[in-house]
Amino acid sequence: MSFDEIESVVVGVSAIATSFFSFLIWRANIQSAKAAKGAADAAEESAKISKLMLEAEEEKRQNLRDQIKRDILKQTSYIMNILNEMKESSMPSLVMSKLPETINNVSNYELAHYFSMKERQLIYYTIKKYESYRNDYFKDGKPNFTLNDKFQKETQELLDKTKDVIIEFTEKIFVTSEIEIG
């Protein structure tokens, strides 16, 4: 065999080897593309599931917030009605004895998790105002006060705080002392 013939055989074998390896690379690229599409589809499905889980969690959070809001409104409205009744009563201590011992005990976690900063402050200050009122004007669980300007001023301040809560949580509906909510 001559050198030219050997060279032709080597070139032919090289061309066949290159074609074979090109074929293998082409097949590998097809498999990679299928795998990449599968990964993309899985990522898309995972994102959809994550979104659904997030929406479900947000709905649960909103439902809990609404329930806590209803509880706060119910108790605050009750206190507001008693305070209004006290103002008009000739026997305010009898009416005052209907006030609950404690106002809605919302945990710090619930305040932080379900309410805005403005709402948290309003709830917190109303609870503190109510606790202070009870401490000042109840002894041994019974009304104990003198019907003076200080008492009337603090009763009005507490009444105003309860109205503020009601207004905030009923989406700015105007509430007057003549309206009974409950």
Protein backbone atom coordinates (compact mmCIF):
# COMPACT_ATOMS: atom_id res chain seq x y z
CA MET A 1 0.00 0.00 0.00
CA SER A 2 1.22 3.32 -0.92
CA PHE A 3 1.41 6.35 1.23
CA ASP A 4 -1.47 7.99 -0.63
CA GLU A 5 -3.67 4.97 -0.12
CA ILE A 6 -2.87 4.86 3.63
CA GLU A 7 -3.59 8.55 3.84
CA SER A 8 -6.96 8.07 2.12
CA VAL A 9 -7.86 5.23 4.52
CA VAL A 10 -6.88 7.35 7.55
CA VAL A 11 -8.91 10.31 6.26
CA GLY A 12 -11.90 8.00 5.63
CA VAL A 13 -11.63 6.42 9.10
CA SER A 14 -11.29 9.91 10.65
CA ALA A 15 -14.39 11.08 8.78
CA ILE A 16 -16.34 8.03 10.00
CA ALA A 17 -15.09 8.52 13.60
CA THR A 18 -15.96 12.24 13.49
CA SER A 19 -19.42 11.43 12.15
CA PHE A 20 -19.95 8.80 14.86
CA PHE A 21 -18.86 11.15 17.66
CA SER A 22 -20.98 13.98 16.19
CA PHE A 23 -23.94 11.62 16.22
CA LEU A 24 -23.29 10.75 19.90
CA ILE A 25 -23.00 14.44 20.83
CA TRP A 26 -26.23 15.20 18.96
CA ARG A 27 -28.03 12.42 20.90
CA ALA A 28 -26.62 13.71 24.20
CA ASN A 29 -27.82 17.22 23.38
CA ILE A 30 -31.32 15.91 22.71
CA GLN A 31 -31.31 14.09 26.07
CA SER A 32 -30.01 17.22 27.82
CA ALA A 33 -32.75 19.31 26.23
CA LYS A 34 -35.40 16.82 27.39
CA ALA A 35 -33.94 16.83 30.90
CA ALA A 36 -33.83 20.63 30.97
CA LYS A 37 -37.46 20.83 29.84
CA GLY A 38 -38.43 18.32 32.53
CA ALA A 39 -36.58 20.36 35.16
CA ALA A 40 -38.26 23.56 33.95
CA ASP A 41 -41.69 21.88 34.07
CA ALA A 42 -40.98 20.61 37.59
CA ALA A 43 -39.85 24.06 38.69
CA GLU A 44 -43.01 25.60 37.22
CA GLU A 45 -45.20 23.06 39.05
CA SER A 46 -43.27 23.68 42.25
CA ALA A 47 -43.82 27.42 41.87
CA LYS A 48 -47.56 26.85 41.36
CA ILE A 49 -47.73 24.67 44.49
CA SER A 50 -45.77 27.25 46.48
CA LYS A 51 -48.13 29.99 45.31
CA LEU A 52 -51.18 27.92 46.29
CA MET A 53 -49.66 27.22 49.71
CA LEU A 54 -48.88 30.91 50.19
CA GLU A 55 -52.43 31.87 49.20
CA ALA A 56 -53.87 29.29 51.61
CA GLU A 57 -51.64 30.60 54.41
CA GLU A 58 -52.68 34.19 53.66
CA GLU A 59 -56.36 33.18 53.68
CA LYS A 60 -55.89 31.45 57.03
CA ARG A 61 -54.10 34.53 58.39
CA GLN A 62 -56.91 36.80 57.15
CA ASN A 63 -59.56 34.53 58.69
CA LEU A 64 -57.76 34.58 62.06
CA ARG A 65 -57.38 38.35 61.85
CA ASP A 66 -61.09 38.73 61.08
CA GLN A 67 -62.03 36.52 64.03
CA ILE A 68 -59.79 38.44 66.42
CA LYS A 69 -61.21 41.70 65.04
CA ARG A 70 -64.78 40.47 65.64
CA ASP A 71 -63.88 39.50 69.20
CA ILE A 72 -62.29 42.89 69.85
CA LEU A 73 -65.25 44.72 68.29
CA LYS A 74 -67.78 42.72 70.28
CA GLN A 75 -66.11 43.41 73.60
CA THR A 76 -65.28 47.02 72.80
CA SER A 77 -68.86 47.67 71.68
CA TYR A 78 -70.15 46.12 74.89
CA ILE A 79 -67.91 48.36 76.98
CA MET A 80 -68.88 51.42 74.92
CA ASN A 81 -72.58 50.69 75.45
CA ILE A 82 -72.12 50.33 79.19
CA LEU A 83 -70.15 53.58 79.39
CA ASN A 84 -72.91 55.38 77.44
CA GLU A 85 -75.53 53.86 79.72
CA MET A 86 -73.51 54.98 82.78
CA LYS A 87 -73.49 58.57 81.56
CA GLU A 88 -77.29 58.63 81.39
CA SER A 89 -78.00 56.58 84.51
CA SER A 90 -79.03 57.95 87.87
CA MET A 91 -77.25 54.92 89.39
CA PRO A 92 -73.98 54.71 87.43
CA SER A 93 -72.37 52.28 89.88
CA LEU A 94 -75.06 49.66 89.13
CA VAL A 95 -74.44 50.02 85.40
CA MET A 96 -70.68 50.17 85.90
CA SER A 97 -70.72 46.81 87.67
CA LYS A 98 -71.58 45.24 84.28
CA LEU A 99 -68.13 46.11 82.93
CA PRO A 100 -65.99 43.01 82.35
CA GLU A 101 -63.01 42.43 84.60
CA THR A 102 -60.61 42.35 81.67
CA ILE A 103 -60.72 43.53 78.10
CA ASN A 104 -59.95 41.15 75.25
CA ASN A 105 -56.56 39.62 75.89
CA VAL A 106 -54.90 39.68 72.50
CA SER A 107 -51.44 38.15 72.66
CA ASN A 108 -48.40 40.08 71.53
CA TYR A 109 -47.91 37.47 68.79
CA GLU A 110 -51.45 38.06 67.49
CA LEU A 111 -50.98 41.82 67.61
CA ALA A 112 -47.68 41.62 65.74
CA HIS A 113 -48.77 39.01 63.22
CA TYR A 114 -52.28 40.11 62.30
CA PHE A 115 -52.42 43.89 62.72
CA SER A 116 -50.74 46.99 61.36
CA MET A 117 -48.63 49.22 63.59
CA LYS A 118 -51.48 51.75 63.87
CA GLU A 119 -53.99 49.02 64.79
CA ARG A 120 -51.58 47.49 67.33
CA GLN A 121 -51.09 50.82 69.04
CA LEU A 122 -54.82 51.50 69.14
CA ILE A 123 -55.61 48.07 70.62
CA TYR A 124 -52.74 48.23 73.09
CA TYR A 125 -53.56 51.73 74.36
CA THR A 126 -57.26 50.90 74.65
CA ILE A 127 -56.48 47.79 76.70
CA LYS A 128 -54.09 49.78 78.92
CA LYS A 129 -56.64 52.60 79.34
CA TYR A 130 -59.31 50.06 80.33
CA GLU A 131 -57.00 48.32 82.81
CA SER A 132 -56.10 51.67 84.35
CA TYR A 133 -59.78 52.62 84.57
CA ARG A 134 -60.63 49.35 86.29
CA ASN A 135 -57.72 49.74 88.73
CA ASP A 136 -58.73 53.31 89.58
CA TYR A 137 -62.48 52.84 89.94
CA PHE A 138 -62.98 49.29 91.13
CA LYS A 139 -62.03 47.93 94.54
CA ASP A 140 -62.47 44.23 95.28
CA GLY A 141 -64.31 43.81 91.97
CA LYS A 142 -66.95 46.46 92.78
CA PRO A 143 -67.32 50.03 91.49
CA ASN A 144 -65.73 52.48 93.91
CA PHE A 145 -65.61 56.07 92.71
CA THR A 146 -66.67 59.60 93.38
CA LEU A 147 -68.81 61.17 90.70
CA ASN A 148 -66.49 64.12 90.05
CA ASP A 149 -64.86 65.83 87.07
CA LYS A 150 -61.86 63.49 87.07
CA PHE A 151 -64.08 60.40 86.96
CA GLN A 152 -66.26 61.87 84.20
CA LYS A 153 -63.19 62.93 82.19
CA GLU A 154 -61.58 59.48 82.45
CA THR A 155 -64.88 57.78 81.60
CA GLN A 156 -65.14 59.98 78.50
CA GLU A 157 -61.52 59.24 77.53
CA LEU A 158 -62.19 55.50 77.78
CA LEU A 159 -65.40 55.93 75.81
CA ASP A 160 -63.44 57.80 73.12
CA LYS A 161 -60.82 55.02 72.99
CA THR A 162 -63.51 52.38 72.50
CA LYS A 163 -65.08 54.46 69.73
CA ASP A 164 -61.68 54.77 68.05
CA VAL A 165 -61.32 50.98 68.01
CA ILE A 166 -64.81 50.52 66.61
CA ILE A 167 -64.25 53.14 63.92
CA GLU A 168 -60.89 51.62 62.95
CA PHE A 169 -62.22 48.07 62.71
CA THR A 170 -65.47 48.85 60.97
CA GLU A 171 -63.60 50.50 58.13
CA LYS A 172 -64.15 54.09 59.11
CA ILE A 173 -67.94 53.92 59.59
CA PHE A 174 -68.92 56.95 61.65
CA VAL A 175 -70.00 55.88 65.13
CA THR A 176 -71.68 58.20 67.59
CA SER A 177 -72.46 57.62 71.22
CA GLU A 178 -76.12 57.12 70.32
CA ILE A 179 -75.43 54.13 68.05
CA GLU A 180 -75.46 50.76 69.70
CA ILE A 181 -73.17 48.22 68.14
CA GLY A 182 -73.26 44.72 69.22
